[in-house]
Amino acid sequence: MAYKISDACISCGACAAECPVSCISEGDGQYVIDADQCIECGNCANVCPVDAPAAE
């Protein structure tokens, strides 16, 4: 199950910097995860200050 970033995202970029497969990019007002590339490692959720990434 891939991770998804909720509307709680504050666009700090911490998640993108920690993604080992670079599947997180800046979207329209918040970061987004490419579900096809996500390896479900959880690194993004571990570093997010507002708990925006979560498993779908």
Protein backbone atom coordinates (compact mmCIF):
# COMPACT_ATOMS: atom_id res chain seq x y z
CA MET A 1 0.00 0.00 0.00
CA ALA A 2 1.60 3.25 -1.13
CA TYR A 3 1.78 6.32 1.07
CA LYS A 4 -0.32 9.40 0.39
CA ILE A 5 0.17 12.94 1.68
CA SER A 6 -2.88 14.54 3.29
CA ASP A 7 -4.05 18.16 3.25
CA ALA A 8 -2.16 18.64 6.52
CA CYS A 9 1.02 19.06 4.42
CA ILE A 10 2.84 22.35 5.10
CA SER A 11 5.20 22.00 2.08
CA CYS A 12 8.36 21.90 4.17
CA GLY A 13 10.03 19.35 1.87
CA ALA A 14 11.35 17.10 4.65
CA CYS A 15 9.63 14.06 3.15
CA ALA A 16 11.05 14.57 -0.33
CA ALA A 17 14.59 14.79 1.03
CA GLU A 18 14.20 11.45 2.83
CA CYS A 19 12.61 9.43 0.00
CA PRO A 20 15.12 6.81 -1.24
CA VAL A 21 13.39 6.46 -4.63
CA SER A 22 12.62 10.16 -5.19
CA CYS A 23 8.90 9.61 -5.72
CA ILE A 24 7.85 12.71 -3.77
CA SER A 25 7.53 16.02 -5.59
CA GLU A 26 6.12 19.46 -4.94
CA GLY A 27 2.56 19.63 -6.19
CA ASP A 28 -0.03 22.36 -6.23
CA GLY A 29 0.20 23.73 -2.68
CA GLN A 30 1.52 20.53 -1.10
CA TYR A 31 3.83 17.63 -1.80
CA VAL A 32 2.57 14.51 -3.58
CA ILE A 33 3.74 10.89 -3.77
CA ASP A 34 3.85 8.91 -7.02
CA ALA A 35 2.07 5.74 -5.82
CA ASP A 36 3.55 3.67 -8.67
CA GLN A 37 7.09 4.40 -7.49
CA CYS A 38 6.51 4.36 -3.71
CA ILE A 39 8.25 1.41 -2.01
CA GLU A 40 6.28 1.87 1.23
CA CYS A 41 9.38 2.40 3.38
CA GLY A 42 7.76 4.98 5.66
CA ASN A 43 10.72 7.37 5.68
CA CYS A 44 8.43 10.25 4.67
CA ALA A 45 6.05 9.61 7.57
CA ASN A 46 8.93 9.33 10.04
CA VAL A 47 10.29 12.82 9.28
CA CYS A 48 7.08 14.77 8.69
CA PRO A 49 6.47 17.36 11.45
CA VAL A 50 2.68 17.30 10.88
CA ASP A 51 2.15 13.57 10.14
CA ALA A 52 0.83 14.28 6.64
CA PRO A 53 2.07 11.09 4.89
CA ALA A 54 0.13 7.93 5.72
CA ALA A 55 -0.34 4.50 4.18
CA GLU A 56 -3.40 4.34 1.96
